[in-house]
N, C-alpha and C. Protein backbone atom coordinates (compact mmCIF):
# COMPACT_ATOMS: atom_id res chain seq x y z
N MET A 1 107.88 -63.11 -90.94
CA MET A 1 106.57 -62.49 -90.81
C MET A 1 106.07 -62.18 -92.22
N GLN A 2 104.91 -62.70 -92.56
CA GLN A 2 104.35 -62.45 -93.88
C GLN A 2 103.74 -61.06 -93.92
N SER A 3 103.46 -60.57 -95.14
CA SER A 3 102.99 -59.19 -95.29
C SER A 3 101.68 -58.93 -94.55
N ASN A 4 100.79 -59.91 -94.45
CA ASN A 4 99.52 -59.69 -93.76
C ASN A 4 99.66 -59.81 -92.25
N ASP A 5 100.76 -60.38 -91.77
CA ASP A 5 100.95 -60.57 -90.34
C ASP A 5 101.35 -59.29 -89.62
N HIS A 6 101.67 -58.24 -90.36
CA HIS A 6 102.09 -57.00 -89.71
C HIS A 6 100.94 -56.28 -89.04
N THR A 7 99.71 -56.63 -89.37
CA THR A 7 98.54 -55.96 -88.82
C THR A 7 98.50 -56.05 -87.29
N ALA A 8 98.62 -57.26 -86.76
CA ALA A 8 98.54 -57.44 -85.31
C ALA A 8 99.70 -56.75 -84.61
N ALA A 9 100.87 -56.79 -85.22
CA ALA A 9 102.03 -56.16 -84.60
C ALA A 9 101.84 -54.66 -84.49
N ILE A 10 101.31 -54.03 -85.52
CA ILE A 10 101.09 -52.58 -85.48
C ILE A 10 100.03 -52.23 -84.45
N LEU A 11 98.98 -53.02 -84.38
CA LEU A 11 97.92 -52.74 -83.41
C LEU A 11 98.44 -52.81 -81.97
N ALA A 12 99.41 -53.68 -81.73
CA ALA A 12 99.92 -53.86 -80.37
C ALA A 12 101.11 -52.97 -80.05
N MET A 13 101.53 -52.14 -81.00
CA MET A 13 102.73 -51.32 -80.79
C MET A 13 102.53 -50.29 -79.69
N THR A 14 103.61 -50.09 -78.95
CA THR A 14 103.64 -49.04 -77.94
C THR A 14 104.01 -47.72 -78.64
N THR A 15 103.86 -46.61 -77.93
CA THR A 15 104.17 -45.31 -78.52
C THR A 15 105.62 -45.22 -79.00
N PRO A 16 106.62 -45.68 -78.23
CA PRO A 16 108.00 -45.63 -78.75
C PRO A 16 108.18 -46.47 -80.02
N GLU A 17 107.50 -47.61 -80.09
CA GLU A 17 107.60 -48.44 -81.29
C GLU A 17 106.97 -47.75 -82.49
N VAL A 18 105.82 -47.09 -82.28
CA VAL A 18 105.18 -46.33 -83.36
C VAL A 18 106.11 -45.21 -83.80
N ASP A 19 106.72 -44.51 -82.83
CA ASP A 19 107.65 -43.42 -83.16
C ASP A 19 108.82 -43.93 -84.00
N GLU A 20 109.34 -45.11 -83.67
CA GLU A 20 110.45 -45.69 -84.43
C GLU A 20 110.02 -45.98 -85.86
N LEU A 21 108.83 -46.53 -86.02
CA LEU A 21 108.32 -46.83 -87.36
C LEU A 21 108.04 -45.55 -88.15
N VAL A 22 107.52 -44.53 -87.47
CA VAL A 22 107.30 -43.23 -88.13
C VAL A 22 108.63 -42.69 -88.64
N GLY A 23 109.67 -42.80 -87.82
CA GLY A 23 110.99 -42.33 -88.23
C GLY A 23 111.50 -43.07 -89.46
N LEU A 24 111.28 -44.37 -89.52
CA LEU A 24 111.71 -45.15 -90.68
C LEU A 24 110.92 -44.77 -91.94
N LEU A 25 109.60 -44.67 -91.77
CA LEU A 25 108.74 -44.45 -92.93
C LEU A 25 108.75 -43.00 -93.42
N SER A 26 109.14 -42.07 -92.55
CA SER A 26 109.11 -40.66 -92.94
C SER A 26 110.18 -40.34 -93.99
N SER A 27 111.14 -41.24 -94.16
CA SER A 27 112.20 -41.01 -95.16
C SER A 27 111.70 -41.28 -96.58
N GLU A 28 110.56 -41.91 -96.71
CA GLU A 28 110.02 -42.25 -98.03
C GLU A 28 108.97 -41.24 -98.47
N GLU A 29 108.86 -41.07 -99.77
CA GLU A 29 107.85 -40.16 -100.29
C GLU A 29 106.54 -40.91 -100.47
N MET A 30 105.61 -40.59 -99.62
CA MET A 30 104.29 -41.20 -99.67
C MET A 30 103.26 -40.09 -99.76
N THR A 31 102.19 -40.38 -100.47
CA THR A 31 101.10 -39.42 -100.60
C THR A 31 99.95 -39.89 -99.73
N ILE A 32 99.50 -39.02 -98.84
CA ILE A 32 98.34 -39.36 -98.01
C ILE A 32 97.10 -39.11 -98.85
N THR A 33 96.43 -40.19 -99.25
CA THR A 33 95.24 -40.06 -100.09
C THR A 33 93.97 -39.89 -99.26
N ARG A 34 93.99 -40.37 -98.03
CA ARG A 34 92.88 -40.14 -97.09
C ARG A 34 93.49 -39.91 -95.72
N PRO A 35 93.49 -38.65 -95.27
CA PRO A 35 94.08 -38.37 -93.95
C PRO A 35 93.33 -39.13 -92.85
N PRO A 36 93.98 -39.32 -91.72
CA PRO A 36 93.32 -40.05 -90.63
C PRO A 36 91.99 -39.41 -90.26
N ARG A 37 90.99 -40.26 -90.13
CA ARG A 37 89.68 -39.77 -89.68
C ARG A 37 89.09 -40.79 -88.72
N THR A 38 88.39 -40.26 -87.76
CA THR A 38 87.81 -41.08 -86.70
C THR A 38 86.34 -41.33 -87.01
N GLY A 39 85.90 -42.52 -86.69
CA GLY A 39 84.50 -42.88 -86.91
C GLY A 39 84.09 -43.98 -85.94
N LEU A 40 82.88 -44.46 -86.13
CA LEU A 40 82.36 -45.55 -85.30
C LEU A 40 82.12 -46.77 -86.18
N MET A 41 82.33 -47.94 -85.59
CA MET A 41 82.10 -49.18 -86.31
C MET A 41 81.45 -50.16 -85.34
N MET A 42 80.50 -50.93 -85.82
CA MET A 42 79.84 -51.93 -84.98
C MET A 42 80.79 -53.11 -84.79
N MET A 43 81.01 -53.49 -83.54
CA MET A 43 81.86 -54.63 -83.25
C MET A 43 80.99 -55.86 -83.04
N THR A 44 81.21 -56.84 -83.87
CA THR A 44 80.49 -58.10 -83.76
C THR A 44 81.44 -59.13 -83.18
N VAL A 45 80.98 -59.87 -82.18
CA VAL A 45 81.80 -60.90 -81.55
C VAL A 45 81.03 -62.21 -81.53
N ARG A 46 81.75 -63.28 -81.29
CA ARG A 46 81.15 -64.61 -81.22
C ARG A 46 81.18 -65.07 -79.76
N ASP A 47 80.04 -65.50 -79.25
CA ASP A 47 79.99 -65.93 -77.86
C ASP A 47 80.40 -67.39 -77.73
N SER A 48 80.35 -67.91 -76.50
CA SER A 48 80.80 -69.28 -76.24
C SER A 48 79.89 -70.33 -76.86
N PHE A 49 78.70 -69.93 -77.32
CA PHE A 49 77.78 -70.85 -78.00
C PHE A 49 77.91 -70.75 -79.51
N ASP A 50 78.98 -70.10 -79.98
CA ASP A 50 79.28 -69.94 -81.40
C ASP A 50 78.21 -69.12 -82.13
N THR A 51 77.66 -68.14 -81.42
CA THR A 51 76.65 -67.26 -81.99
C THR A 51 77.20 -65.84 -82.07
N ASP A 52 77.04 -65.21 -83.21
CA ASP A 52 77.48 -63.83 -83.37
C ASP A 52 76.48 -62.88 -82.69
N PHE A 53 77.01 -61.85 -82.06
CA PHE A 53 76.15 -60.79 -81.55
C PHE A 53 76.90 -59.48 -81.62
N HIS A 54 76.16 -58.39 -81.64
CA HIS A 54 76.76 -57.06 -81.74
C HIS A 54 77.06 -56.55 -80.34
N LEU A 55 78.35 -56.41 -80.08
CA LEU A 55 78.80 -55.95 -78.77
C LEU A 55 78.50 -54.48 -78.58
N GLY A 56 78.62 -53.70 -79.64
CA GLY A 56 78.38 -52.27 -79.59
C GLY A 56 79.31 -51.56 -80.54
N GLU A 57 79.24 -50.25 -80.54
CA GLU A 57 80.08 -49.46 -81.43
C GLU A 57 81.42 -49.16 -80.77
N VAL A 58 82.47 -49.17 -81.60
CA VAL A 58 83.81 -48.82 -81.12
C VAL A 58 84.34 -47.68 -81.99
N VAL A 59 85.16 -46.86 -81.39
CA VAL A 59 85.81 -45.77 -82.11
C VAL A 59 86.96 -46.35 -82.92
N THR A 60 87.06 -45.97 -84.18
CA THR A 60 88.16 -46.41 -85.04
C THR A 60 88.76 -45.20 -85.74
N THR A 61 90.00 -45.35 -86.18
CA THR A 61 90.66 -44.33 -86.98
C THR A 61 91.20 -45.04 -88.22
N GLU A 62 90.95 -44.44 -89.40
CA GLU A 62 91.44 -45.04 -90.64
C GLU A 62 92.18 -44.01 -91.47
N ALA A 63 93.09 -44.51 -92.32
CA ALA A 63 93.88 -43.65 -93.21
C ALA A 63 94.28 -44.45 -94.44
N GLU A 64 94.59 -43.74 -95.52
CA GLU A 64 95.09 -44.37 -96.74
C GLU A 64 96.27 -43.56 -97.27
N VAL A 65 97.25 -44.27 -97.83
CA VAL A 65 98.41 -43.63 -98.45
C VAL A 65 98.69 -44.30 -99.79
N LEU A 66 99.50 -43.62 -100.58
CA LEU A 66 99.95 -44.15 -101.86
C LEU A 66 101.47 -44.10 -101.87
N PHE A 67 102.10 -45.25 -102.17
CA PHE A 67 103.56 -45.35 -102.21
C PHE A 67 103.96 -46.20 -103.40
N ALA A 68 104.76 -45.65 -104.27
CA ALA A 68 105.27 -46.38 -105.44
C ALA A 68 104.14 -47.05 -106.22
N GLY A 69 103.03 -46.36 -106.36
CA GLY A 69 101.90 -46.90 -107.11
C GLY A 69 101.07 -47.91 -106.35
N GLU A 70 101.43 -48.18 -105.11
CA GLU A 70 100.70 -49.16 -104.30
C GLU A 70 99.92 -48.42 -103.22
N SER A 71 98.65 -48.77 -103.12
CA SER A 71 97.78 -48.16 -102.11
C SER A 71 97.93 -48.92 -100.80
N GLY A 72 97.94 -48.19 -99.71
CA GLY A 72 98.01 -48.80 -98.39
C GLY A 72 96.87 -48.29 -97.52
N TYR A 73 96.27 -49.17 -96.75
CA TYR A 73 95.13 -48.82 -95.92
C TYR A 73 95.42 -49.24 -94.49
N GLY A 74 95.02 -48.40 -93.55
CA GLY A 74 95.20 -48.72 -92.14
C GLY A 74 94.00 -48.30 -91.32
N MET A 75 93.52 -49.22 -90.49
CA MET A 75 92.44 -48.91 -89.55
C MET A 75 92.83 -49.49 -88.19
N VAL A 76 92.65 -48.69 -87.16
CA VAL A 76 92.96 -49.12 -85.80
C VAL A 76 91.79 -48.78 -84.89
N ILE A 77 91.70 -49.51 -83.80
CA ILE A 77 90.68 -49.21 -82.80
C ILE A 77 91.18 -48.07 -81.94
N GLY A 78 90.31 -47.11 -81.68
CA GLY A 78 90.66 -45.96 -80.86
C GLY A 78 90.96 -44.74 -81.72
N GLU A 79 91.18 -43.64 -81.04
CA GLU A 79 91.53 -42.40 -81.73
C GLU A 79 93.05 -42.34 -81.80
N GLU A 80 93.60 -42.96 -82.84
CA GLU A 80 95.05 -43.14 -82.99
C GLU A 80 95.48 -42.77 -84.41
N PRO A 81 95.50 -41.47 -84.76
CA PRO A 81 95.82 -41.09 -86.13
C PRO A 81 97.22 -41.51 -86.58
N ARG A 82 98.22 -41.42 -85.69
CA ARG A 82 99.58 -41.82 -86.08
C ARG A 82 99.66 -43.31 -86.37
N LYS A 83 99.00 -44.11 -85.54
CA LYS A 83 99.00 -45.56 -85.74
C LYS A 83 98.30 -45.93 -87.05
N ALA A 84 97.21 -45.25 -87.36
CA ALA A 84 96.49 -45.53 -88.61
C ALA A 84 97.37 -45.19 -89.81
N LEU A 85 98.06 -44.06 -89.76
CA LEU A 85 98.95 -43.68 -90.85
C LEU A 85 100.13 -44.64 -90.98
N VAL A 86 100.71 -45.03 -89.87
CA VAL A 86 101.84 -45.97 -89.89
C VAL A 86 101.38 -47.31 -90.46
N ARG A 87 100.21 -47.73 -90.07
CA ARG A 87 99.69 -49.00 -90.57
C ARG A 87 99.48 -48.93 -92.09
N ALA A 88 98.91 -47.83 -92.56
CA ALA A 88 98.69 -47.66 -93.99
C ALA A 88 100.01 -47.59 -94.74
N ALA A 89 100.98 -46.85 -94.19
CA ALA A 89 102.28 -46.71 -94.85
C ALA A 89 103.02 -48.04 -94.90
N ALA A 90 103.02 -48.78 -93.81
CA ALA A 90 103.67 -50.09 -93.78
C ALA A 90 102.98 -51.04 -94.75
N ASP A 91 101.67 -50.97 -94.82
CA ASP A 91 100.91 -51.81 -95.75
C ASP A 91 101.33 -51.52 -97.19
N ALA A 92 101.38 -50.27 -97.56
CA ALA A 92 101.76 -49.90 -98.94
C ALA A 92 103.21 -50.29 -99.22
N LEU A 93 104.10 -50.02 -98.29
CA LEU A 93 105.51 -50.33 -98.49
C LEU A 93 105.74 -51.83 -98.66
N LEU A 94 105.16 -52.62 -97.77
CA LEU A 94 105.39 -54.06 -97.81
C LEU A 94 104.67 -54.73 -98.99
N ARG A 95 103.56 -54.15 -99.43
CA ARG A 95 102.85 -54.70 -100.59
C ARG A 95 103.49 -54.27 -101.90
N SER A 96 104.33 -53.26 -101.87
CA SER A 96 104.95 -52.77 -103.10
C SER A 96 105.91 -53.80 -103.70
N GLY A 97 106.38 -54.71 -102.86
CA GLY A 97 107.27 -55.76 -103.35
C GLY A 97 108.68 -55.28 -103.67
N ARG A 98 108.97 -54.06 -103.31
CA ARG A 98 110.31 -53.51 -103.58
C ARG A 98 111.29 -54.05 -102.55
N PRO A 99 112.28 -54.81 -103.00
CA PRO A 99 113.30 -55.26 -102.03
C PRO A 99 114.20 -54.08 -101.68
N SER A 100 114.22 -53.73 -100.44
CA SER A 100 115.05 -52.60 -100.03
C SER A 100 115.44 -52.74 -98.57
N ASP A 101 116.44 -51.98 -98.21
CA ASP A 101 116.89 -51.95 -96.83
C ASP A 101 115.77 -51.46 -95.91
N LEU A 102 114.97 -50.50 -96.41
CA LEU A 102 113.87 -49.97 -95.61
C LEU A 102 112.84 -51.06 -95.29
N CYS A 103 112.49 -51.87 -96.29
CA CYS A 103 111.54 -52.98 -96.05
C CYS A 103 112.08 -53.91 -94.99
N GLN A 104 113.38 -54.23 -95.05
CA GLN A 104 114.00 -55.10 -94.05
C GLN A 104 113.90 -54.49 -92.65
N ARG A 105 114.19 -53.18 -92.55
CA ARG A 105 114.14 -52.53 -91.24
C ARG A 105 112.72 -52.44 -90.71
N VAL A 106 111.74 -52.19 -91.58
CA VAL A 106 110.34 -52.14 -91.16
C VAL A 106 109.89 -53.53 -90.71
N ARG A 107 110.25 -54.55 -91.47
CA ARG A 107 109.88 -55.92 -91.08
C ARG A 107 110.49 -56.28 -89.72
N TYR A 108 111.75 -55.89 -89.51
CA TYR A 108 112.42 -56.17 -88.25
C TYR A 108 111.69 -55.48 -87.08
N CYS A 109 111.33 -54.24 -87.29
CA CYS A 109 110.60 -53.48 -86.27
C CYS A 109 109.26 -54.17 -85.96
N LEU A 110 108.56 -54.61 -87.00
CA LEU A 110 107.27 -55.29 -86.81
C LEU A 110 107.45 -56.64 -86.13
N GLU A 111 108.51 -57.36 -86.48
CA GLU A 111 108.76 -58.66 -85.85
C GLU A 111 109.04 -58.49 -84.36
N ARG A 112 109.81 -57.47 -84.01
CA ARG A 112 110.09 -57.21 -82.58
C ARG A 112 108.80 -56.92 -81.83
N ALA A 113 107.94 -56.09 -82.42
CA ALA A 113 106.66 -55.77 -81.77
C ALA A 113 105.79 -57.02 -81.66
N GLY A 114 105.81 -57.85 -82.70
CA GLY A 114 105.05 -59.10 -82.67
C GLY A 114 105.55 -60.06 -81.61
N GLN A 115 106.88 -60.15 -81.46
CA GLN A 115 107.47 -61.01 -80.43
C GLN A 115 107.13 -60.50 -79.04
N ARG A 116 107.16 -59.18 -78.86
CA ARG A 116 106.79 -58.61 -77.56
C ARG A 116 105.34 -58.93 -77.24
N GLN A 117 104.47 -58.81 -78.26
CA GLN A 117 103.06 -59.10 -78.06
C GLN A 117 102.85 -60.58 -77.71
N THR A 118 103.53 -61.49 -78.40
CA THR A 118 103.42 -62.92 -78.12
C THR A 118 103.89 -63.23 -76.71
N SER A 119 104.99 -62.61 -76.30
CA SER A 119 105.50 -62.80 -74.95
C SER A 119 104.50 -62.30 -73.90
N GLN A 120 103.90 -61.14 -74.17
CA GLN A 120 102.92 -60.58 -73.24
C GLN A 120 101.69 -61.47 -73.15
N GLN A 121 101.26 -62.03 -74.27
CA GLN A 121 100.10 -62.93 -74.28
C GLN A 121 100.39 -64.19 -73.47
N ALA A 122 101.62 -64.71 -73.60
CA ALA A 122 102.00 -65.90 -72.83
C ALA A 122 102.01 -65.59 -71.33
N THR A 123 102.52 -64.42 -70.97
CA THR A 123 102.53 -64.00 -69.57
C THR A 123 101.11 -63.86 -69.04
N ASP A 124 100.24 -63.24 -69.83
CA ASP A 124 98.83 -63.08 -69.43
C ASP A 124 98.14 -64.43 -69.29
N ALA A 125 98.41 -65.36 -70.23
CA ALA A 125 97.80 -66.69 -70.17
C ALA A 125 98.27 -67.45 -68.93
N ALA A 126 99.56 -67.33 -68.59
CA ALA A 126 100.08 -67.99 -67.39
C ALA A 126 99.45 -67.41 -66.13
N LEU A 127 99.27 -66.10 -66.11
CA LEU A 127 98.63 -65.45 -64.96
C LEU A 127 97.19 -65.92 -64.82
N ALA A 128 96.47 -65.99 -65.92
CA ALA A 128 95.08 -66.46 -65.87
C ALA A 128 95.01 -67.93 -65.46
N ALA A 129 95.94 -68.74 -65.95
CA ALA A 129 95.96 -70.16 -65.61
C ALA A 129 96.24 -70.38 -64.12
N SER A 130 97.00 -69.47 -63.52
CA SER A 130 97.33 -69.62 -62.10
C SER A 130 96.12 -69.40 -61.21
N THR A 131 95.06 -68.83 -61.74
CA THR A 131 93.84 -68.61 -60.93
C THR A 131 92.82 -69.73 -61.11
N LYS A 132 93.14 -70.72 -61.95
CA LYS A 132 92.21 -71.81 -62.23
C LYS A 132 92.02 -72.67 -60.98
N VAL A 133 90.79 -73.03 -60.72
CA VAL A 133 90.46 -73.86 -59.56
C VAL A 133 90.12 -75.25 -60.07
N ASN A 134 90.74 -76.28 -59.49
CA ASN A 134 90.45 -77.65 -59.86
C ASN A 134 89.51 -78.22 -58.80
N PHE A 135 88.22 -78.27 -59.12
CA PHE A 135 87.22 -78.69 -58.14
C PHE A 135 87.33 -80.17 -57.80
N ASP A 136 87.92 -81.00 -58.66
CA ASP A 136 88.05 -82.41 -58.39
C ASP A 136 89.00 -82.67 -57.22
N LEU A 137 89.91 -81.77 -56.95
CA LEU A 137 90.89 -81.96 -55.89
C LEU A 137 90.49 -81.28 -54.58
N MET A 138 89.38 -80.56 -54.59
CA MET A 138 88.96 -79.86 -53.37
C MET A 138 88.37 -80.87 -52.37
N PRO A 139 88.71 -80.74 -51.09
CA PRO A 139 88.15 -81.65 -50.08
C PRO A 139 86.63 -81.50 -50.02
N GLY A 140 85.97 -82.61 -49.89
CA GLY A 140 84.53 -82.61 -49.73
C GLY A 140 83.77 -82.48 -51.04
N ALA A 141 84.45 -82.47 -52.16
CA ALA A 141 83.76 -82.31 -53.46
C ALA A 141 83.35 -83.65 -54.00
């Protein structure tokens, strides 16, 4: 998992997974430079005609930390201050380039969450595919 790939894993983490990451990261000395704060952000999406449109505003939480001279930033959808802090802390730690046992354990935790998310997406895709109707095979079509 590359350093930028941890974003999706953190966003998909369950509460026990976030708690595990908090436990790992709490052993390090990090300075919270911007405590978690909640705000609104316009969500822009692309429709099936490849046109951007504004879906509406979504609640986000963002935070910033400083670790070993490296700044880390985290933003998540929803009112999730712990997730925003964990994301910022993991960002700073993994970008610091310091080879350490902690980095290995954080990467492992993120990889597990990423694998769980990939597995869940495959299950969801299979469920959606099972509802597909093939009109060419329907009698009288």
